[in-house]
Amino acid sequence: MFGDLYERALAGERCFIRNTDGRRTDLPLQRWLGNHPGDAPFDDAVLAMCDGPTLELGCGPARLITRLTRRGVPALGVDRSPRAVALARLWGAPALCADVFEPLPGIGLWRTVLLVDGNIGLAGDPLRILRRCRDMLAAGGNVLVEFDAHHHGATTMLTRLETDERAGPWFPWATVGVDHAEEIAERAGLRLKDIQVIGDRALASMAWV
């Protein structure tokens, strides 16, 4: 989805996110790499809620899966970026280079499924990705989903990656506010259990209905 520019960003080139409304922001690569000190409380809270074998969809360089693995927790990250998966494996995290909507290992067996760092917006279809999380979940398990703490409702728009010299193709992406968490959980066949606001980020815990 992100394509070549994302691979180049992971290699160190500065990259931006451009929306069709004209906004351009830095790609939050340091957050995904675990190098942003302000994100430590959020990451710690996520990890504390991981119970048993854990799957992360859209793991990027897999900072969370890396830490779980070091603790001896069975875990797997899934991402479409070959470079992100290579970085994850370099750090010792089990990671699979695949589309999250393709057949994946352990369907219906994972105790925790992670969907953080904006990945509720994957493919511009939050309901589809949440249903995918539910399908991967074992009975009695939880899906941990990050929502936008400042956005209201759900918005889908076209987005692309840019550098100062190049622009990638447009692709759909969604932003889902935490006020929409209960409604979308119900539509996906999940039950909203809890919401924590950690700094400027919101984390929801969901379970099978």
C-alpha atoms as a PDB file:
ATOM      1  CA  MET A   1       0.000   0.000   0.000  1.00  0.00           C
ATOM      2  CA  PHE A   2       2.708   2.520   1.005  1.00  0.00           C
ATOM      3  CA  GLY A   3       5.091   1.298  -1.668  1.00  0.00           C
ATOM      4  CA  ASP A   4       8.624   2.391  -2.426  1.00  0.00           C
ATOM      5  CA  LEU A   5       8.560   5.659  -0.487  1.00  0.00           C
ATOM      6  CA  TYR A   6       7.780   3.838   2.754  1.00  0.00           C
ATOM      7  CA  GLU A   7      10.729   1.531   2.140  1.00  0.00           C
ATOM      8  CA  ARG A   8      12.934   4.589   1.588  1.00  0.00           C
ATOM      9  CA  ALA A   9      11.627   6.218   4.765  1.00  0.00           C
ATOM     10  CA  LEU A  10      12.578   3.116   6.735  1.00  0.00           C
ATOM     11  CA  ALA A  11      16.053   3.464   5.238  1.00  0.00           C
ATOM     12  CA  GLY A  12      16.281   6.994   6.677  1.00  0.00           C
ATOM     13  CA  GLU A  13      14.836   9.354   4.053  1.00  0.00           C
ATOM     14  CA  ARG A  14      12.443  12.004   5.365  1.00  0.00           C
ATOM     15  CA  CYS A  15       8.887  11.310   4.258  1.00  0.00           C
ATOM     16  CA  PHE A  16       5.508  13.009   4.650  1.00  0.00           C
ATOM     17  CA  ILE A  17       1.826  12.071   4.576  1.00  0.00           C
ATOM     18  CA  ARG A  18      -0.347  14.143   2.233  1.00  0.00           C
ATOM     19  CA  ASN A  19      -4.161  14.071   2.389  1.00  0.00           C
ATOM     20  CA  THR A  20      -6.478  15.230  -0.388  1.00  0.00           C
ATOM     21  CA  ASP A  21      -7.577  18.126   1.827  1.00  0.00           C
ATOM     22  CA  GLY A  22      -4.066  19.523   1.394  1.00  0.00           C
ATOM     23  CA  ARG A  23      -2.655  18.712   4.832  1.00  0.00           C
ATOM     24  CA  ARG A  24       0.921  17.407   4.951  1.00  0.00           C
ATOM     25  CA  THR A  25       2.452  15.934   8.094  1.00  0.00           C
ATOM     26  CA  ASP A  26       5.624  14.042   8.874  1.00  0.00           C
ATOM     27  CA  LEU A  27       5.426  10.280   8.598  1.00  0.00           C
ATOM     28  CA  PRO A  28       5.624   9.227  12.289  1.00  0.00           C
ATOM     29  CA  LEU A  29       8.517   6.863  11.682  1.00  0.00           C
ATOM     30  CA  GLN A  30      10.230   7.477  15.018  1.00  0.00           C
ATOM     31  CA  ARG A  31       7.011   6.419  16.763  1.00  0.00           C
ATOM     32  CA  TRP A  32       6.899   3.204  14.750  1.00  0.00           C
ATOM     33  CA  LEU A  33      10.562   2.531  15.502  1.00  0.00           C
ATOM     34  CA  GLY A  34      10.009   3.081  19.219  1.00  0.00           C
ATOM     35  CA  ASN A  35      12.318   6.105  19.332  1.00  0.00           C
ATOM     36  CA  HIS A  36       9.751   8.662  20.529  1.00  0.00           C
ATOM     37  CA  PRO A  37      10.083   9.027  24.336  1.00  0.00           C
ATOM     38  CA  GLY A  38       6.574  10.448  24.696  1.00  0.00           C
ATOM     39  CA  ASP A  39       5.076   7.194  23.432  1.00  0.00           C
ATOM     40  CA  ALA A  40       6.604   5.011  26.149  1.00  0.00           C
ATOM     41  CA  PRO A  41       3.531   5.174  28.476  1.00  0.00           C
ATOM     42  CA  PHE A  42       1.246   4.117  25.624  1.00  0.00           C
ATOM     43  CA  ASP A  43       3.476   1.241  24.552  1.00  0.00           C
ATOM     44  CA  ASP A  44       3.828   0.084  28.159  1.00  0.00           C
ATOM     45  CA  ALA A  45       0.048   0.113  28.603  1.00  0.00           C
ATOM     46  CA  VAL A  46      -0.463  -1.909  25.419  1.00  0.00           C
ATOM     47  CA  LEU A  47       2.098  -4.502  26.447  1.00  0.00           C
ATOM     48  CA  ALA A  48       0.626  -4.802  29.941  1.00  0.00           C
ATOM     49  CA  MET A  49      -2.724  -5.755  28.366  1.00  0.00           C
ATOM     50  CA  CYS A  50      -1.310  -8.434  26.065  1.00  0.00           C
ATOM     51  CA  ASP A  51      -2.482 -11.742  27.476  1.00  0.00           C
ATOM     52  CA  GLY A  52      -1.011 -14.877  25.911  1.00  0.00           C
ATOM     53  CA  PRO A  53      -0.130 -15.404  22.237  1.00  0.00           C
ATOM     54  CA  THR A  54      -0.318 -12.023  20.497  1.00  0.00           C
ATOM     55  CA  LEU A  55      -0.753 -11.067  16.843  1.00  0.00           C
ATOM     56  CA  GLU A  56      -0.152  -7.544  15.526  1.00  0.00           C
ATOM     57  CA  LEU A  57      -1.674  -6.541  12.188  1.00  0.00           C
ATOM     58  CA  GLY A  58       0.274  -3.834  10.376  1.00  0.00           C
ATOM     59  CA  CYS A  59       3.234  -4.202  12.742  1.00  0.00           C
ATOM     60  CA  GLY A  60       5.761  -2.094  10.797  1.00  0.00           C
ATOM     61  CA  PRO A  61       9.207  -2.657  12.354  1.00  0.00           C
ATOM     62  CA  ALA A  62       7.404  -4.499  15.181  1.00  0.00           C
ATOM     63  CA  ARG A  63       8.674  -2.685  18.261  1.00  0.00           C
ATOM     64  CA  LEU A  64       5.832  -4.160  20.363  1.00  0.00           C
ATOM     65  CA  ILE A  65       6.277  -7.710  19.075  1.00  0.00           C
ATOM     66  CA  THR A  66      10.017  -7.389  19.748  1.00  0.00           C
ATOM     67  CA  ARG A  67       9.409  -6.526  23.395  1.00  0.00           C
ATOM     68  CA  LEU A  68       6.836  -9.291  23.837  1.00  0.00           C
ATOM     69  CA  THR A  69       9.209 -11.843  22.335  1.00  0.00           C
ATOM     70  CA  ARG A  70      11.991 -10.764  24.706  1.00  0.00           C
ATOM     71  CA  ARG A  71       9.579 -11.418  27.574  1.00  0.00           C
ATOM     72  CA  GLY A  72       8.965 -14.938  26.305  1.00  0.00           C
ATOM     73  CA  VAL A  73       5.431 -14.218  25.029  1.00  0.00           C
ATOM     74  CA  PRO A  74       4.547 -16.058  21.784  1.00  0.00           C
ATOM     75  CA  ALA A  75       3.920 -13.275  19.261  1.00  0.00           C
ATOM     76  CA  LEU A  76       3.817 -12.556  15.539  1.00  0.00           C
ATOM     77  CA  GLY A  77       3.758  -9.354  13.517  1.00  0.00           C
ATOM     78  CA  VAL A  78       2.301  -9.049  10.024  1.00  0.00           C
ATOM     79  CA  ASP A  79       3.176  -6.280   7.555  1.00  0.00           C
ATOM     80  CA  ARG A  80       3.322  -5.825   3.775  1.00  0.00           C
ATOM     81  CA  SER A  81       6.634  -3.969   3.822  1.00  0.00           C
ATOM     82  CA  PRO A  82       9.652  -6.227   3.169  1.00  0.00           C
ATOM     83  CA  ARG A  83      12.019  -3.706   4.773  1.00  0.00           C
ATOM     84  CA  ALA A  84       9.848  -3.343   7.897  1.00  0.00           C
ATOM     85  CA  VAL A  85       9.682  -7.116   8.268  1.00  0.00           C
ATOM     86  CA  ALA A  86      13.443  -7.372   7.740  1.00  0.00           C
ATOM     87  CA  LEU A  87      14.011  -4.804  10.509  1.00  0.00           C
ATOM     88  CA  ALA A  88      11.644  -6.678  12.810  1.00  0.00           C
ATOM     89  CA  ARG A  89      13.487  -9.934  12.243  1.00  0.00           C
ATOM     90  CA  LEU A  90      16.837  -8.194  12.741  1.00  0.00           C
ATOM     91  CA  TRP A  91      15.612  -7.111  16.175  1.00  0.00           C
ATOM     92  CA  GLY A  92      14.504 -10.657  16.953  1.00  0.00           C
ATOM     93  CA  ALA A  93      10.763 -10.296  16.368  1.00  0.00           C
ATOM     94  CA  PRO A  94       8.893 -13.028  14.480  1.00  0.00           C
ATOM     95  CA  ALA A  95       7.323 -11.215  11.525  1.00  0.00           C
ATOM     96  CA  LEU A  96       5.530 -12.268   8.361  1.00  0.00           C
ATOM     97  CA  CYS A  97       5.552 -10.268   5.119  1.00  0.00           C
ATOM     98  CA  ALA A  98       1.937 -10.551   3.990  1.00  0.00           C
ATOM     99  CA  ASP A  99      -1.300  -8.682   3.402  1.00  0.00           C
ATOM    100  CA  VAL A 100      -3.290  -8.722   6.655  1.00  0.00           C
ATOM    101  CA  PHE A 101      -6.383  -9.805   4.693  1.00  0.00           C
ATOM    102  CA  GLU A 102      -4.663 -12.860   3.228  1.00  0.00           C
ATOM    103  CA  PRO A 103      -4.686 -16.271   4.985  1.00  0.00           C
ATOM    104  CA  LEU A 104      -2.606 -15.962   8.160  1.00  0.00           C
ATOM    105  CA  PRO A 105      -1.330 -18.436  10.755  1.00  0.00           C
ATOM    106  CA  GLY A 106      -3.453 -19.250  13.788  1.00  0.00           C
ATOM    107  CA  ILE A 107      -6.906 -18.093  12.692  1.00  0.00           C
ATOM    108  CA  GLY A 108      -9.118 -18.206  15.774  1.00  0.00           C
ATOM    109  CA  LEU A 109      -6.225 -19.015  18.115  1.00  0.00           C
ATOM    110  CA  TRP A 110      -4.702 -15.682  19.191  1.00  0.00           C
ATOM    111  CA  ARG A 111      -5.421 -14.474  22.737  1.00  0.00           C
ATOM    112  CA  THR A 112      -4.585 -10.853  21.874  1.00  0.00           C
ATOM    113  CA  VAL A 113      -4.769  -9.051  18.528  1.00  0.00           C
ATOM    114  CA  LEU A 114      -3.151  -5.610  18.247  1.00  0.00           C
ATOM    115  CA  LEU A 115      -4.307  -2.837  15.914  1.00  0.00           C
ATOM    116  CA  VAL A 116      -2.418   0.321  16.847  1.00  0.00           C
ATOM    117  CA  ASP A 117      -0.512   3.225  15.250  1.00  0.00           C
ATOM    118  CA  GLY A 118      -3.485   4.233  13.112  1.00  0.00           C
ATOM    119  CA  ASN A 119      -3.987   0.812  11.540  1.00  0.00           C
ATOM    120  CA  ILE A 120      -7.728   0.954  12.215  1.00  0.00           C
ATOM    121  CA  GLY A 121      -7.566   3.012   8.997  1.00  0.00           C
ATOM    122  CA  LEU A 122      -6.061   0.261   6.815  1.00  0.00           C
ATOM    123  CA  ALA A 123      -7.514   0.203   3.288  1.00  0.00           C
ATOM    124  CA  GLY A 124      -9.945   2.950   4.307  1.00  0.00           C
ATOM    125  CA  ASP A 125     -12.290   0.309   5.762  1.00  0.00           C
ATOM    126  CA  PRO A 126     -12.263   0.209   9.596  1.00  0.00           C
ATOM    127  CA  LEU A 127     -15.112  -2.287   9.773  1.00  0.00           C
ATOM    128  CA  ARG A 128     -13.305  -4.753   7.529  1.00  0.00           C
ATOM    129  CA  ILE A 129     -10.064  -4.657   9.526  1.00  0.00           C
ATOM    130  CA  LEU A 130     -11.925  -5.007  12.840  1.00  0.00           C
ATOM    131  CA  ARG A 131     -13.778  -8.042  11.519  1.00  0.00           C
ATOM    132  CA  ARG A 132     -10.423  -9.449  10.467  1.00  0.00           C
ATOM    133  CA  CYS A 133      -9.159  -8.972  14.023  1.00  0.00           C
ATOM    134  CA  ARG A 134     -12.227 -10.768  15.357  1.00  0.00           C
ATOM    135  CA  ASP A 135     -11.644 -13.688  12.999  1.00  0.00           C
ATOM    136  CA  MET A 136      -8.080 -14.115  14.287  1.00  0.00           C
ATOM    137  CA  LEU A 137      -9.145 -13.976  17.947  1.00  0.00           C
ATOM    138  CA  ALA A 138      -9.512 -17.003  20.226  1.00  0.00           C
ATOM    139  CA  ALA A 139     -12.609 -17.333  22.409  1.00  0.00           C
ATOM    140  CA  GLY A 140     -12.090 -15.231  25.520  1.00  0.00           C
ATOM    141  CA  GLY A 141      -9.384 -13.116  23.882  1.00  0.00           C
ATOM    142  CA  ASN A 142      -9.168  -9.381  23.345  1.00  0.00           C
ATOM    143  CA  VAL A 143      -8.568  -7.003  20.462  1.00  0.00           C
ATOM    144  CA  LEU A 144      -6.609  -3.887  21.483  1.00  0.00           C
ATOM    145  CA  VAL A 145      -7.403  -1.019  19.121  1.00  0.00           C
ATOM    146  CA  GLU A 146      -6.009   2.497  19.026  1.00  0.00           C
ATOM    147  CA  PHE A 147      -8.498   5.213  18.096  1.00  0.00           C
ATOM    148  CA  ASP A 148      -7.888   8.885  17.425  1.00  0.00           C
ATOM    149  CA  ALA A 149      -8.415  10.726  20.703  1.00  0.00           C
ATOM    150  CA  HIS A 150      -9.233  14.028  18.948  1.00  0.00           C
ATOM    151  CA  HIS A 151     -11.190  13.002  15.835  1.00  0.00           C
ATOM    152  CA  HIS A 152     -14.997  12.662  15.836  1.00  0.00           C
ATOM    153  CA  GLY A 153     -16.735   9.879  13.949  1.00  0.00           C
ATOM    154  CA  ALA A 154     -15.065   8.068  11.054  1.00  0.00           C
ATOM    155  CA  THR A 155     -13.591   9.748   7.973  1.00  0.00           C
ATOM    156  CA  THR A 156     -12.101   8.100   4.888  1.00  0.00           C
ATOM    157  CA  MET A 157      -9.997  10.020   2.400  1.00  0.00           C
ATOM    158  CA  LEU A 158      -7.229   9.472  -0.111  1.00  0.00           C
ATOM    159  CA  THR A 159      -3.692   9.735   1.207  1.00  0.00           C
ATOM    160  CA  ARG A 160      -0.234   9.446  -0.277  1.00  0.00           C
ATOM    161  CA  LEU A 161       3.389   9.506   0.828  1.00  0.00           C
ATOM    162  CA  GLU A 162       5.727  12.243  -0.361  1.00  0.00           C
ATOM    163  CA  THR A 163       9.322  13.308  -0.119  1.00  0.00           C
ATOM    164  CA  ASP A 164      10.546  16.730  -1.180  1.00  0.00           C
ATOM    165  CA  GLU A 165      11.232  15.298  -4.648  1.00  0.00           C
ATOM    166  CA  ARG A 166       8.701  12.501  -5.179  1.00  0.00           C
ATOM    167  CA  ALA A 167       5.063  11.599  -4.564  1.00  0.00           C
ATOM    168  CA  GLY A 168       3.619   8.106  -4.274  1.00  0.00           C
ATOM    169  CA  PRO A 169       0.210   6.869  -5.470  1.00  0.00           C
ATOM    170  CA  TRP A 170      -2.988   7.804  -3.672  1.00  0.00           C
ATOM    171  CA  PHE A 171      -4.575   5.150  -1.451  1.00  0.00           C
ATOM    172  CA  PRO A 172      -7.617   5.140   0.868  1.00  0.00           C
ATOM    173  CA  TRP A 173      -7.082   5.572   4.604  1.00  0.00           C
ATOM    174  CA  ALA A 174      -9.524   6.122   7.449  1.00  0.00           C
ATOM    175  CA  THR A 175      -9.385   8.048  10.697  1.00  0.00           C
ATOM    176  CA  VAL A 176     -11.710   6.827  13.455  1.00  0.00           C
ATOM    177  CA  GLY A 177     -12.408   8.831  16.591  1.00  0.00           C
ATOM    178  CA  VAL A 178     -12.672   7.196  19.988  1.00  0.00           C
ATOM    179  CA  ASP A 179     -16.281   8.428  20.188  1.00  0.00           C
ATOM    180  CA  HIS A 180     -17.029   5.901  17.412  1.00  0.00           C
ATOM    181  CA  ALA A 181     -15.427   2.930  19.180  1.00  0.00           C
ATOM    182  CA  GLU A 182     -18.537   1.352  20.681  1.00  0.00           C
ATOM    183  CA  GLU A 183     -20.602   1.601  17.504  1.00  0.00           C
ATOM    184  CA  ILE A 184     -17.952   0.125  15.221  1.00  0.00           C
ATOM    185  CA  ALA A 185     -17.147  -2.625  17.736  1.00  0.00           C
ATOM    186  CA  GLU A 186     -20.781  -3.742  17.720  1.00  0.00           C
ATOM    187  CA  ARG A 187     -20.915  -3.711  13.916  1.00  0.00           C
ATOM    188  CA  ALA A 188     -17.795  -5.886  13.814  1.00  0.00           C
ATOM    189  CA  GLY A 189     -19.228  -8.458  16.213  1.00  0.00           C
ATOM    190  CA  LEU A 190     -17.174  -7.273  19.173  1.00  0.00           C
ATOM    191  CA  ARG A 191     -18.000  -5.835  22.587  1.00  0.00           C
ATOM    192  CA  LEU A 192     -16.266  -2.711  23.834  1.00  0.00           C
ATOM    193  CA  LYS A 193     -14.875  -3.488  27.290  1.00  0.00           C
ATOM    194  CA  ASP A 194     -12.775  -0.478  28.182  1.00  0.00           C
ATOM    195  CA  ILE A 195     -11.167   2.711  26.863  1.00  0.00           C
ATOM    196  CA  GLN A 196      -7.982   4.205  28.252  1.00  0.00           C
ATOM    197  CA  VAL A 197      -6.718   7.645  27.285  1.00  0.00           C
ATOM    198  CA  ILE A 198      -2.941   7.630  27.632  1.00  0.00           C
ATOM    199  CA  GLY A 199      -1.452  11.034  26.954  1.00  0.00           C
ATOM    200  CA  ASP A 200      -2.917  12.104  23.612  1.00  0.00           C
ATOM    201  CA  ARG A 201      -3.721   8.522  22.499  1.00  0.00           C
ATOM    202  CA  ALA A 202      -6.778   6.335  23.087  1.00  0.00           C
ATOM    203  CA  LEU A 203      -6.684   2.547  23.495  1.00  0.00           C
ATOM    204  CA  ALA A 204      -9.814   0.387  23.438  1.00  0.00           C
ATOM    205  CA  SER A 205     -10.139  -3.209  24.569  1.00  0.00           C
ATOM    206  CA  MET A 206     -12.730  -5.340  22.733  1.00  0.00           C
ATOM    207  CA  ALA A 207     -13.883  -8.931  23.111  1.00  0.00           C
ATOM    208  CA  TRP A 208     -16.179 -11.411  21.389  1.00  0.00           C
ATOM    209  CA  VAL A 209     -19.853 -10.605  21.877  1.00  0.00           C
END
